[in-house]
Amino acid sequence: MYALGISEPLIPFLGILTIAIGILLLIPKTFFIGNLLNAISIVLIMALALRTGNYKITLIEIPFLALPLILIWLKYPFKY
């Protein structure tokens, strides 16, 4: 987290936000919002990594960004 420029007081907030996003994913009515927030948080991590010049983290995050976007496309609970 320090390599991305995230300060120590912000780390617990990000942890709580991540847990809240995970809970939103479990509820069918908030599935879209949860995945959208998940994708936004991943893009934020990618932007912070690019700002610090760490391209390896950015490339590693690409599959993790694709996952919520694919889940949004599939819809909950995976209707065809």
N, C-alpha and C. Protein backbone atom coordinates (compact mmCIF):
# COMPACT_ATOMS: atom_id res chain seq x y z
N MET A 1 0.82 -1.19 0.00
CA MET A 1 0.00 0.00 0.00
C MET A 1 0.86 1.26 0.00
N TYR A 2 2.00 1.19 0.70
CA TYR A 2 2.87 2.35 0.74
C TYR A 2 3.47 2.63 -0.63
N ALA A 3 3.71 1.58 -1.41
CA ALA A 3 4.28 1.76 -2.74
C ALA A 3 3.31 2.49 -3.67
N LEU A 4 2.02 2.41 -3.37
CA LEU A 4 1.02 3.09 -4.19
C LEU A 4 0.75 4.51 -3.73
N GLY A 5 1.32 4.90 -2.61
CA GLY A 5 1.11 6.25 -2.09
C GLY A 5 -0.11 6.38 -1.20
N ILE A 6 -0.61 5.25 -0.67
CA ILE A 6 -1.77 5.28 0.21
C ILE A 6 -1.27 5.44 1.64
N SER A 7 -1.79 6.45 2.33
CA SER A 7 -1.33 6.74 3.69
C SER A 7 -1.90 5.73 4.69
N GLU A 8 -1.29 5.67 5.85
CA GLU A 8 -1.68 4.71 6.88
C GLU A 8 -3.12 4.90 7.38
N PRO A 9 -3.60 6.14 7.60
CA PRO A 9 -4.99 6.28 8.06
C PRO A 9 -6.04 5.86 7.03
N LEU A 10 -5.68 5.81 5.77
CA LEU A 10 -6.62 5.45 4.72
C LEU A 10 -6.78 3.94 4.56
N ILE A 11 -5.83 3.16 5.05
CA ILE A 11 -5.85 1.71 4.88
C ILE A 11 -7.07 1.05 5.55
N PRO A 12 -7.42 1.39 6.81
CA PRO A 12 -8.62 0.78 7.40
C PRO A 12 -9.90 1.15 6.65
N PHE A 13 -9.97 2.38 6.15
CA PHE A 13 -11.15 2.80 5.37
C PHE A 13 -11.29 1.95 4.11
N LEU A 14 -10.20 1.70 3.43
CA LEU A 14 -10.24 0.88 2.23
C LEU A 14 -10.63 -0.56 2.55
N GLY A 15 -10.18 -1.07 3.70
CA GLY A 15 -10.56 -2.42 4.12
C GLY A 15 -12.05 -2.52 4.40
N ILE A 16 -12.60 -1.52 5.09
CA ILE A 16 -14.04 -1.51 5.38
C ILE A 16 -14.84 -1.38 4.09
N LEU A 17 -14.35 -0.54 3.17
CA LEU A 17 -15.03 -0.37 1.88
C LEU A 17 -15.04 -1.68 1.09
N THR A 18 -13.94 -2.41 1.12
CA THR A 18 -13.86 -3.68 0.41
C THR A 18 -14.81 -4.71 0.99
N ILE A 19 -14.92 -4.76 2.31
CA ILE A 19 -15.87 -5.68 2.95
C ILE A 19 -17.30 -5.30 2.61
N ALA A 20 -17.60 -4.00 2.59
CA ALA A 20 -18.95 -3.55 2.24
C ALA A 20 -19.29 -3.91 0.79
N ILE A 21 -18.32 -3.78 -0.10
CA ILE A 21 -18.54 -4.16 -1.50
C ILE A 21 -18.82 -5.66 -1.60
N GLY A 22 -18.08 -6.46 -0.83
CA GLY A 22 -18.31 -7.91 -0.83
C GLY A 22 -19.70 -8.27 -0.35
N ILE A 23 -20.21 -7.54 0.65
CA ILE A 23 -21.57 -7.79 1.14
C ILE A 23 -22.59 -7.40 0.08
N LEU A 24 -22.34 -6.28 -0.62
CA LEU A 24 -23.26 -5.86 -1.69
C LEU A 24 -23.35 -6.91 -2.80
N LEU A 25 -22.26 -7.61 -3.05
CA LEU A 25 -22.26 -8.63 -4.10
C LEU A 25 -23.14 -9.83 -3.75
N LEU A 26 -23.34 -10.07 -2.47
CA LEU A 26 -24.15 -11.21 -2.04
C LEU A 26 -25.64 -10.97 -2.16
N ILE A 27 -26.06 -9.71 -2.17
CA ILE A 27 -27.47 -9.36 -2.22
C ILE A 27 -27.87 -9.15 -3.69
N PRO A 28 -28.87 -9.87 -4.18
CA PRO A 28 -29.22 -9.76 -5.61
C PRO A 28 -29.59 -8.34 -6.07
N LYS A 29 -30.28 -7.56 -5.24
CA LYS A 29 -30.70 -6.22 -5.66
C LYS A 29 -29.53 -5.24 -5.74
N THR A 30 -28.44 -5.50 -5.05
CA THR A 30 -27.29 -4.60 -5.06
C THR A 30 -26.09 -5.20 -5.80
N PHE A 31 -26.34 -6.26 -6.56
CA PHE A 31 -25.26 -6.94 -7.27
C PHE A 31 -24.57 -6.02 -8.28
N PHE A 32 -25.36 -5.26 -9.04
CA PHE A 32 -24.79 -4.36 -10.05
C PHE A 32 -23.94 -3.27 -9.39
N ILE A 33 -24.47 -2.64 -8.35
CA ILE A 33 -23.74 -1.57 -7.66
C ILE A 33 -22.46 -2.11 -7.03
N GLY A 34 -22.53 -3.30 -6.44
CA GLY A 34 -21.34 -3.92 -5.85
C GLY A 34 -20.25 -4.17 -6.87
N ASN A 35 -20.63 -4.71 -8.02
CA ASN A 35 -19.65 -4.96 -9.07
C ASN A 35 -19.11 -3.65 -9.65
N LEU A 36 -19.96 -2.65 -9.76
CA LEU A 36 -19.51 -1.36 -10.26
C LEU A 36 -18.50 -0.72 -9.31
N LEU A 37 -18.79 -0.76 -8.01
CA LEU A 37 -17.86 -0.24 -7.02
C LEU A 37 -16.56 -1.05 -6.99
N ASN A 38 -16.67 -2.35 -7.19
CA ASN A 38 -15.49 -3.21 -7.24
C ASN A 38 -14.61 -2.82 -8.43
N ALA A 39 -15.22 -2.61 -9.58
CA ALA A 39 -14.46 -2.21 -10.77
C ALA A 39 -13.82 -0.84 -10.56
N ILE A 40 -14.54 0.08 -9.94
CA ILE A 40 -13.99 1.42 -9.68
C ILE A 40 -12.79 1.34 -8.74
N SER A 41 -12.88 0.49 -7.71
CA SER A 41 -11.76 0.37 -6.78
C SER A 41 -10.54 -0.25 -7.46
N ILE A 42 -10.75 -1.16 -8.38
CA ILE A 42 -9.64 -1.76 -9.11
C ILE A 42 -9.01 -0.74 -10.05
N VAL A 43 -9.83 0.08 -10.70
CA VAL A 43 -9.29 1.14 -11.56
C VAL A 43 -8.50 2.15 -10.72
N LEU A 44 -8.96 2.43 -9.51
CA LEU A 44 -8.24 3.33 -8.61
C LEU A 44 -6.86 2.76 -8.27
N ILE A 45 -6.80 1.48 -7.97
CA ILE A 45 -5.52 0.84 -7.68
C ILE A 45 -4.61 0.90 -8.90
N MET A 46 -5.17 0.66 -10.08
CA MET A 46 -4.38 0.72 -11.30
C MET A 46 -3.86 2.14 -11.55
N ALA A 47 -4.69 3.15 -11.30
CA ALA A 47 -4.26 4.53 -11.49
C ALA A 47 -3.16 4.92 -10.51
N LEU A 48 -3.29 4.48 -9.27
CA LEU A 48 -2.24 4.77 -8.29
C LEU A 48 -0.94 4.08 -8.66
N ALA A 49 -1.04 2.86 -9.17
CA ALA A 49 0.16 2.14 -9.59
C ALA A 49 0.82 2.82 -10.78
N LEU A 50 0.02 3.30 -11.72
CA LEU A 50 0.59 4.01 -12.87
C LEU A 50 1.23 5.33 -12.45
N ARG A 51 0.62 5.99 -11.48
CA ARG A 51 1.17 7.26 -11.00
C ARG A 51 2.55 7.08 -10.37
N THR A 52 2.74 5.95 -9.71
CA THR A 52 4.04 5.68 -9.09
C THR A 52 5.00 5.00 -10.06
N GLY A 53 4.53 4.67 -11.26
CA GLY A 53 5.40 4.05 -12.25
C GLY A 53 5.52 2.55 -12.12
N ASN A 54 4.64 1.93 -11.35
CA ASN A 54 4.69 0.48 -11.14
C ASN A 54 3.75 -0.20 -12.14
N TYR A 55 4.28 -0.51 -13.31
CA TYR A 55 3.47 -1.09 -14.38
C TYR A 55 3.13 -2.55 -14.13
N LYS A 56 3.93 -3.22 -13.31
CA LYS A 56 3.68 -4.63 -13.02
C LYS A 56 2.36 -4.80 -12.28
N ILE A 57 2.09 -3.95 -11.29
CA ILE A 57 0.82 -4.03 -10.55
C ILE A 57 -0.35 -3.73 -11.48
N THR A 58 -0.16 -2.76 -12.37
CA THR A 58 -1.23 -2.42 -13.30
C THR A 58 -1.57 -3.60 -14.20
N LEU A 59 -0.58 -4.27 -14.70
CA LEU A 59 -0.83 -5.42 -15.57
C LEU A 59 -1.45 -6.59 -14.81
N ILE A 60 -1.05 -6.75 -13.56
CA ILE A 60 -1.62 -7.82 -12.74
C ILE A 60 -3.10 -7.57 -12.46
N GLU A 61 -3.51 -6.31 -12.36
CA GLU A 61 -4.89 -5.96 -12.02
C GLU A 61 -5.86 -6.11 -13.18
N ILE A 62 -5.39 -6.24 -14.41
CA ILE A 62 -6.28 -6.33 -15.57
C ILE A 62 -7.27 -7.49 -15.48
N PRO A 63 -6.85 -8.72 -15.14
CA PRO A 63 -7.86 -9.80 -15.01
C PRO A 63 -8.85 -9.54 -13.88
N PHE A 64 -8.39 -8.88 -12.81
CA PHE A 64 -9.29 -8.58 -11.71
C PHE A 64 -10.29 -7.50 -12.09
N LEU A 65 -9.95 -6.65 -13.04
CA LEU A 65 -10.90 -5.68 -13.56
C LEU A 65 -11.90 -6.34 -14.50
N ALA A 66 -11.45 -7.31 -15.25
CA ALA A 66 -12.34 -7.99 -16.19
C ALA A 66 -13.42 -8.80 -15.46
N LEU A 67 -13.10 -9.35 -14.31
CA LEU A 67 -14.05 -10.20 -13.59
C LEU A 67 -15.35 -9.49 -13.22
N PRO A 68 -15.32 -8.33 -12.55
CA PRO A 68 -16.61 -7.68 -12.25
C PRO A 68 -17.37 -7.24 -13.50
N LEU A 69 -16.63 -6.86 -14.54
CA LEU A 69 -17.31 -6.45 -15.77
C LEU A 69 -18.00 -7.64 -16.43
N ILE A 70 -17.38 -8.80 -16.40
CA ILE A 70 -18.02 -10.01 -16.95
C ILE A 70 -19.23 -10.41 -16.10
N LEU A 71 -19.11 -10.27 -14.78
CA LEU A 71 -20.24 -10.61 -13.90
C LEU A 71 -21.42 -9.66 -14.12
N ILE A 72 -21.14 -8.39 -14.39
CA ILE A 72 -22.22 -7.45 -14.72
C ILE A 72 -22.89 -7.89 -16.01
N TRP A 73 -22.09 -8.28 -16.98
CA TRP A 73 -22.62 -8.70 -18.27
C TRP A 73 -23.48 -9.96 -18.16
N LEU A 74 -23.07 -10.89 -17.28
CA LEU A 74 -23.82 -12.13 -17.09
C LEU A 74 -25.11 -11.93 -16.30
N LYS A 75 -25.19 -10.90 -15.51
CA LYS A 75 -26.33 -10.55 -14.65
C LYS A 75 -26.46 -11.55 -13.49
N TYR A 76 -27.16 -11.10 -12.46
CA TYR A 76 -27.36 -11.95 -11.29
C TYR A 76 -28.72 -12.62 -11.39
N PRO A 77 -28.91 -13.79 -11.02
CA PRO A 77 -27.96 -14.85 -10.73
C PRO A 77 -27.63 -15.63 -12.00
N PHE A 78 -26.92 -15.00 -12.85
CA PHE A 78 -26.43 -15.59 -14.10
C PHE A 78 -27.58 -16.01 -15.00
N LYS A 79 -28.46 -15.06 -15.26
CA LYS A 79 -29.58 -15.30 -16.19
C LYS A 79 -29.05 -15.32 -17.61
N TYR A 80 -29.64 -16.13 -18.44
CA TYR A 80 -29.18 -16.24 -19.82
C TYR A 80 -29.97 -15.35 -20.72
